[in-house]
């Protein structure tokens, strides 16, 4: 569990990106609750922090894929895979994020096939 920002730094309906132990994390505040996701669209690897937050959905700026900030689940195509969500704890006036492994699609490999 790592403190990332002060609770007072993020207003209702806003989001911000921070690097936590080498992982790009998107933090959102919706209806008084804080949520954390991997800050990368599972469709085209675009930074979600460059998109828009509409209610409980974050919208990718590139192709418009939508994800539920509460779970990382896809709510609208073209994405088919969820983004990783991270547990959030509020403690000592700060937003703490517990990291876990980020699911990433395998990179294509080029070269001779065996």
N, C-alpha and C. Protein backbone atom coordinates (compact mmCIF):
# COMPACT_ATOMS: atom_id res chain seq x y z
N UNK A 1 0.85 -1.17 0.00
CA UNK A 1 0.00 0.00 0.00
C UNK A 1 0.90 1.23 0.00
N UNK A 2 0.71 2.07 -1.01
CA UNK A 2 1.55 3.26 -1.16
C UNK A 2 0.68 4.51 -1.16
N UNK A 3 1.07 5.55 -0.36
CA UNK A 3 0.35 6.82 -0.45
C UNK A 3 0.70 7.48 -1.78
N UNK A 4 -0.34 7.94 -2.49
CA UNK A 4 -0.10 8.50 -3.82
C UNK A 4 -0.37 10.00 -3.84
N UNK A 5 -1.54 10.41 -3.34
CA UNK A 5 -1.89 11.84 -3.31
C UNK A 5 -2.65 12.13 -2.01
N UNK A 6 -2.76 13.41 -1.69
CA UNK A 6 -3.62 13.82 -0.59
C UNK A 6 -5.07 13.81 -1.09
N UNK A 7 -5.97 13.44 -0.22
CA UNK A 7 -7.40 13.40 -0.58
C UNK A 7 -7.84 14.75 -1.12
N UNK A 8 -7.34 15.83 -0.53
CA UNK A 8 -7.75 17.18 -0.93
C UNK A 8 -7.26 17.59 -2.32
N UNK A 9 -6.34 16.84 -2.90
CA UNK A 9 -5.79 17.19 -4.21
C UNK A 9 -6.71 16.86 -5.38
N UNK A 10 -7.72 16.02 -5.14
CA UNK A 10 -8.56 15.57 -6.24
C UNK A 10 -10.02 15.86 -5.91
N UNK A 11 -10.64 16.72 -6.71
CA UNK A 11 -12.04 17.09 -6.50
C UNK A 11 -12.98 16.06 -7.12
N UNK A 12 -14.20 16.12 -6.70
CA UNK A 12 -15.27 15.27 -7.24
C UNK A 12 -15.30 15.34 -8.76
N UNK A 13 -15.37 14.16 -9.40
CA UNK A 13 -15.47 14.09 -10.86
C UNK A 13 -14.16 14.34 -11.59
N UNK A 14 -13.05 14.33 -10.85
CA UNK A 14 -11.75 14.55 -11.48
C UNK A 14 -10.91 13.28 -11.44
N UNK A 15 -9.86 13.27 -12.25
CA UNK A 15 -8.92 12.15 -12.28
C UNK A 15 -7.52 12.70 -12.48
N UNK A 16 -6.53 11.91 -12.05
CA UNK A 16 -5.14 12.30 -12.23
C UNK A 16 -4.30 11.04 -12.35
N UNK A 17 -3.15 11.19 -12.97
CA UNK A 17 -2.25 10.04 -13.18
C UNK A 17 -0.99 10.23 -12.35
N UNK A 18 -0.50 9.11 -11.81
CA UNK A 18 0.74 9.10 -11.04
C UNK A 18 1.46 7.78 -11.29
N UNK A 19 2.76 7.81 -11.22
CA UNK A 19 3.54 6.58 -11.33
C UNK A 19 3.79 6.07 -9.92
N UNK A 20 3.40 4.82 -9.68
CA UNK A 20 3.57 4.18 -8.37
C UNK A 20 4.40 2.92 -8.59
N UNK A 21 5.61 2.93 -8.06
CA UNK A 21 6.53 1.80 -8.21
C UNK A 21 6.64 1.33 -9.67
N UNK A 22 6.75 2.29 -10.58
CA UNK A 22 6.92 2.00 -11.99
C UNK A 22 5.64 1.70 -12.75
N UNK A 23 4.49 1.73 -12.08
CA UNK A 23 3.21 1.46 -12.74
C UNK A 23 2.46 2.78 -12.90
N UNK A 24 1.97 3.05 -14.10
CA UNK A 24 1.19 4.25 -14.39
C UNK A 24 -0.23 4.02 -13.88
N UNK A 25 -0.64 4.78 -12.86
CA UNK A 25 -1.92 4.58 -12.20
C UNK A 25 -2.81 5.80 -12.40
N UNK A 26 -4.08 5.56 -12.73
CA UNK A 26 -5.09 6.61 -12.86
C UNK A 26 -5.94 6.58 -11.60
N UNK A 27 -6.06 7.71 -10.92
CA UNK A 27 -6.89 7.82 -9.72
C UNK A 27 -8.08 8.72 -10.06
N UNK A 28 -9.28 8.26 -9.71
CA UNK A 28 -10.51 9.00 -9.98
C UNK A 28 -11.31 9.18 -8.70
N UNK A 29 -12.01 10.31 -8.59
CA UNK A 29 -12.95 10.48 -7.49
C UNK A 29 -14.34 10.63 -8.09
N UNK A 30 -15.24 9.72 -7.71
CA UNK A 30 -16.62 9.75 -8.20
C UNK A 30 -17.54 9.51 -7.01
N UNK A 31 -18.49 10.41 -6.84
CA UNK A 31 -19.48 10.33 -5.77
C UNK A 31 -18.83 10.12 -4.40
N UNK A 32 -17.71 10.83 -4.18
CA UNK A 32 -17.04 10.79 -2.89
C UNK A 32 -16.13 9.60 -2.66
N UNK A 33 -16.05 8.70 -3.62
CA UNK A 33 -15.18 7.52 -3.50
C UNK A 33 -14.01 7.64 -4.47
N UNK A 34 -12.89 7.03 -4.07
CA UNK A 34 -11.69 7.05 -4.91
C UNK A 34 -11.49 5.67 -5.53
N UNK A 35 -11.04 5.67 -6.78
CA UNK A 35 -10.80 4.44 -7.53
C UNK A 35 -9.46 4.56 -8.23
N UNK A 36 -8.80 3.43 -8.45
CA UNK A 36 -7.50 3.43 -9.13
C UNK A 36 -7.49 2.34 -10.20
N UNK A 37 -7.00 2.70 -11.37
CA UNK A 37 -6.90 1.80 -12.52
C UNK A 37 -5.52 1.92 -13.15
N UNK A 38 -5.16 0.91 -13.92
CA UNK A 38 -3.96 1.04 -14.75
C UNK A 38 -4.28 2.10 -15.79
N UNK A 39 -3.40 3.05 -15.96
CA UNK A 39 -3.64 4.20 -16.83
C UNK A 39 -3.31 3.89 -18.29
N UNK A 40 -3.84 2.77 -18.79
CA UNK A 40 -3.57 2.40 -20.18
C UNK A 40 -4.75 1.62 -20.73
N UNK A 41 -5.31 2.10 -21.82
CA UNK A 41 -6.43 1.41 -22.48
C UNK A 41 -5.97 0.02 -22.92
N UNK A 42 -6.81 -0.97 -22.68
CA UNK A 42 -6.45 -2.34 -23.06
C UNK A 42 -6.59 -2.58 -24.56
N UNK A 43 -7.16 -1.63 -25.27
CA UNK A 43 -7.34 -1.77 -26.71
C UNK A 43 -6.13 -1.25 -27.49
N UNK A 44 -5.74 -0.01 -27.22
CA UNK A 44 -4.68 0.61 -28.02
C UNK A 44 -3.57 1.21 -27.17
N UNK A 45 -3.53 0.88 -25.88
CA UNK A 45 -2.48 1.32 -24.97
C UNK A 45 -2.37 2.84 -24.84
N UNK A 46 -3.43 3.55 -25.11
CA UNK A 46 -3.48 4.99 -24.93
C UNK A 46 -3.65 5.31 -23.45
N UNK A 47 -3.10 6.43 -22.99
CA UNK A 47 -3.25 6.84 -21.60
C UNK A 47 -4.70 7.29 -21.35
N UNK A 48 -5.35 6.62 -20.43
CA UNK A 48 -6.74 6.96 -20.10
C UNK A 48 -6.83 8.34 -19.45
N UNK A 49 -5.77 8.78 -18.81
CA UNK A 49 -5.77 10.09 -18.17
C UNK A 49 -5.92 11.23 -19.18
N UNK A 50 -5.69 10.95 -20.45
CA UNK A 50 -5.87 11.96 -21.49
C UNK A 50 -7.30 11.97 -22.02
N UNK A 51 -8.12 11.05 -21.51
CA UNK A 51 -9.51 10.98 -21.93
C UNK A 51 -10.41 11.77 -20.99
N UNK A 52 -11.66 11.32 -20.87
CA UNK A 52 -12.65 12.02 -20.05
C UNK A 52 -13.24 11.08 -19.02
N UNK A 53 -13.65 11.66 -17.91
CA UNK A 53 -14.35 10.94 -16.87
C UNK A 53 -15.79 11.39 -16.89
N UNK A 54 -16.72 10.45 -17.11
CA UNK A 54 -18.15 10.74 -17.15
C UNK A 54 -18.83 9.79 -16.17
N UNK A 55 -19.18 10.31 -15.01
CA UNK A 55 -19.76 9.43 -13.99
C UNK A 55 -18.75 8.38 -13.60
N UNK A 56 -19.17 7.12 -13.64
CA UNK A 56 -18.28 6.01 -13.28
C UNK A 56 -17.51 5.46 -14.48
N UNK A 57 -17.55 6.15 -15.62
CA UNK A 57 -16.84 5.68 -16.81
C UNK A 57 -15.70 6.60 -17.18
N UNK A 58 -14.56 5.99 -17.52
CA UNK A 58 -13.46 6.74 -18.11
C UNK A 58 -13.45 6.37 -19.59
N UNK A 59 -13.30 7.39 -20.43
CA UNK A 59 -13.40 7.22 -21.89
C UNK A 59 -12.03 7.44 -22.50
N UNK A 60 -11.56 6.43 -23.24
CA UNK A 60 -10.27 6.52 -23.91
C UNK A 60 -10.32 7.59 -24.99
N UNK A 61 -9.30 8.47 -25.06
CA UNK A 61 -9.31 9.56 -26.04
C UNK A 61 -9.07 9.10 -27.48
N UNK A 62 -8.55 7.91 -27.67
CA UNK A 62 -8.17 7.49 -29.02
C UNK A 62 -9.35 6.92 -29.81
N UNK A 63 -10.00 5.88 -29.31
CA UNK A 63 -11.09 5.25 -30.04
C UNK A 63 -12.41 5.24 -29.28
N UNK A 64 -12.45 5.84 -28.08
CA UNK A 64 -13.69 5.95 -27.34
C UNK A 64 -14.09 4.74 -26.51
N UNK A 65 -13.18 3.79 -26.31
CA UNK A 65 -13.50 2.66 -25.43
C UNK A 65 -13.79 3.21 -24.04
N UNK A 66 -14.71 2.54 -23.33
CA UNK A 66 -15.10 3.00 -22.00
C UNK A 66 -14.88 1.89 -20.98
N UNK A 67 -14.48 2.32 -19.78
CA UNK A 67 -14.20 1.39 -18.69
C UNK A 67 -14.86 1.90 -17.42
N UNK A 68 -15.37 0.98 -16.61
CA UNK A 68 -15.96 1.31 -15.32
C UNK A 68 -14.82 1.51 -14.33
N UNK A 69 -14.74 2.69 -13.71
CA UNK A 69 -13.63 2.98 -12.81
C UNK A 69 -13.69 2.14 -11.54
N UNK A 70 -14.86 1.60 -11.20
CA UNK A 70 -15.00 0.79 -9.99
C UNK A 70 -14.37 -0.59 -10.14
N UNK A 71 -14.33 -1.11 -11.37
CA UNK A 71 -13.85 -2.49 -11.57
C UNK A 71 -12.84 -2.64 -12.69
N UNK A 72 -12.76 -1.66 -13.58
CA UNK A 72 -11.90 -1.78 -14.76
C UNK A 72 -12.57 -2.49 -15.92
N UNK A 73 -13.81 -2.94 -15.71
CA UNK A 73 -14.52 -3.68 -16.76
C UNK A 73 -14.84 -2.78 -17.95
N UNK A 74 -14.87 -3.37 -19.14
CA UNK A 74 -15.22 -2.66 -20.36
C UNK A 74 -16.71 -2.38 -20.35
N UNK A 75 -17.09 -1.14 -20.65
CA UNK A 75 -18.51 -0.80 -20.77
C UNK A 75 -18.89 -0.44 -22.20
N UNK A 76 -17.88 -0.24 -23.06
CA UNK A 76 -18.16 0.06 -24.46
C UNK A 76 -16.93 -0.27 -25.31
N UNK A 77 -17.19 -0.88 -26.48
CA UNK A 77 -16.14 -1.24 -27.43
C UNK A 77 -15.46 0.03 -27.95
N UNK A 78 -14.29 -0.09 -28.57
CA UNK A 78 -13.72 -1.28 -29.16
C UNK A 78 -12.89 -2.15 -28.22
N UNK A 79 -12.65 -1.73 -27.00
CA UNK A 79 -11.90 -2.58 -26.07
C UNK A 79 -12.70 -3.84 -25.76
N UNK A 80 -12.00 -4.94 -25.59
CA UNK A 80 -12.65 -6.21 -25.23
C UNK A 80 -12.15 -6.73 -23.90
N UNK A 81 -11.00 -6.23 -23.44
CA UNK A 81 -10.40 -6.68 -22.19
C UNK A 81 -10.47 -5.57 -21.15
N UNK A 82 -10.72 -5.91 -19.90
CA UNK A 82 -10.74 -4.89 -18.85
C UNK A 82 -9.34 -4.36 -18.59
N UNK A 83 -9.28 -3.23 -17.89
CA UNK A 83 -8.00 -2.72 -17.40
C UNK A 83 -7.90 -3.13 -15.93
N UNK A 84 -6.70 -3.25 -15.45
CA UNK A 84 -6.48 -3.67 -14.06
C UNK A 84 -6.93 -2.57 -13.12
N UNK A 85 -7.71 -2.95 -12.11
CA UNK A 85 -8.08 -2.00 -11.07
C UNK A 85 -7.27 -2.34 -9.82
N UNK A 86 -7.03 -1.33 -9.01
CA UNK A 86 -6.22 -1.49 -7.81
C UNK A 86 -7.03 -1.09 -6.58
N UNK A 87 -6.87 -1.82 -5.48
CA UNK A 87 -7.55 -1.44 -4.24
C UNK A 87 -7.05 -0.08 -3.73
N UNK A 88 -8.00 0.72 -3.23
CA UNK A 88 -7.69 2.05 -2.70
C UNK A 88 -8.11 2.10 -1.23
N UNK A 89 -7.25 2.71 -0.41
CA UNK A 89 -7.54 2.93 1.00
C UNK A 89 -7.28 4.39 1.31
N UNK A 90 -8.17 5.00 2.09
CA UNK A 90 -7.98 6.38 2.53
C UNK A 90 -7.48 6.33 3.97
N UNK A 91 -6.30 6.91 4.18
CA UNK A 91 -5.70 6.85 5.51
C UNK A 91 -4.81 8.06 5.72
N UNK A 92 -4.96 8.71 6.86
CA UNK A 92 -4.11 9.85 7.18
C UNK A 92 -4.24 10.99 6.20
N UNK A 93 -5.44 11.17 5.62
CA UNK A 93 -5.65 12.26 4.67
C UNK A 93 -5.07 12.00 3.29
N UNK A 94 -4.63 10.75 3.04
CA UNK A 94 -4.02 10.41 1.75
C UNK A 94 -4.74 9.25 1.09
N UNK A 95 -4.60 9.20 -0.22
CA UNK A 95 -5.12 8.09 -1.02
C UNK A 95 -3.98 7.10 -1.18
N UNK A 96 -4.18 5.88 -0.69
CA UNK A 96 -3.19 4.81 -0.79
C UNK A 96 -3.65 3.80 -1.84
N UNK A 97 -2.74 3.33 -2.65
CA UNK A 97 -3.05 2.35 -3.69
C UNK A 97 -2.23 1.09 -3.43
N UNK A 98 -2.90 -0.05 -3.48
CA UNK A 98 -2.22 -1.33 -3.35
C UNK A 98 -2.03 -1.90 -4.75
N UNK A 99 -0.77 -2.04 -5.15
CA UNK A 99 -0.48 -2.52 -6.49
C UNK A 99 -0.62 -4.03 -6.58
N UNK A 100 -0.98 -4.48 -7.75
CA UNK A 100 -0.97 -5.90 -8.08
C UNK A 100 -0.51 -5.98 -9.53
N UNK A 101 -0.26 -7.16 -9.99
CA UNK A 101 0.26 -7.34 -11.35
C UNK A 101 -0.71 -6.76 -12.37
N UNK A 102 -0.16 -6.07 -13.35
CA UNK A 102 -0.96 -5.47 -14.41
C UNK A 102 -1.04 -6.45 -15.56
N UNK A 103 -2.25 -6.78 -15.98
CA UNK A 103 -2.44 -7.67 -17.13
C UNK A 103 -2.19 -6.89 -18.40
N UNK A 104 -1.26 -7.38 -19.19
CA UNK A 104 -0.96 -6.73 -20.46
C UNK A 104 -0.96 -7.77 -21.55
N UNK A 105 -1.50 -7.43 -22.72
CA UNK A 105 -1.45 -8.38 -23.82
C UNK A 105 -0.01 -8.64 -24.22
N UNK A 106 0.25 -9.84 -24.68
CA UNK A 106 1.59 -10.20 -25.13
C UNK A 106 1.97 -9.33 -26.33
N UNK A 107 3.19 -8.90 -26.35
CA UNK A 107 3.67 -8.12 -27.50
C UNK A 107 3.89 -9.05 -28.67
N UNK A 108 3.53 -8.60 -29.88
CA UNK A 108 3.78 -9.47 -31.03
C UNK A 108 5.27 -9.66 -31.22
N UNK A 109 5.64 -10.85 -31.63
CA UNK A 109 7.03 -11.15 -31.88
C UNK A 109 7.22 -11.39 -33.38
N UNK A 110 8.30 -10.85 -33.89
CA UNK A 110 8.60 -10.99 -35.30
C UNK A 110 9.90 -11.76 -35.44
N UNK A 111 10.04 -12.42 -36.52
CA UNK A 111 11.26 -13.18 -36.76
C UNK A 111 10.92 -14.59 -37.19
N UNK A 112 11.90 -15.46 -37.21
CA UNK A 112 11.66 -16.83 -37.66
C UNK A 112 10.71 -17.57 -36.72
N UNK A 113 9.83 -18.31 -37.31
CA UNK A 113 8.91 -19.16 -36.54
C UNK A 113 9.50 -20.54 -36.38
N UNK A 114 9.45 -21.11 -35.23
CA UNK A 114 9.98 -22.45 -35.00
C UNK A 114 8.88 -23.47 -35.07
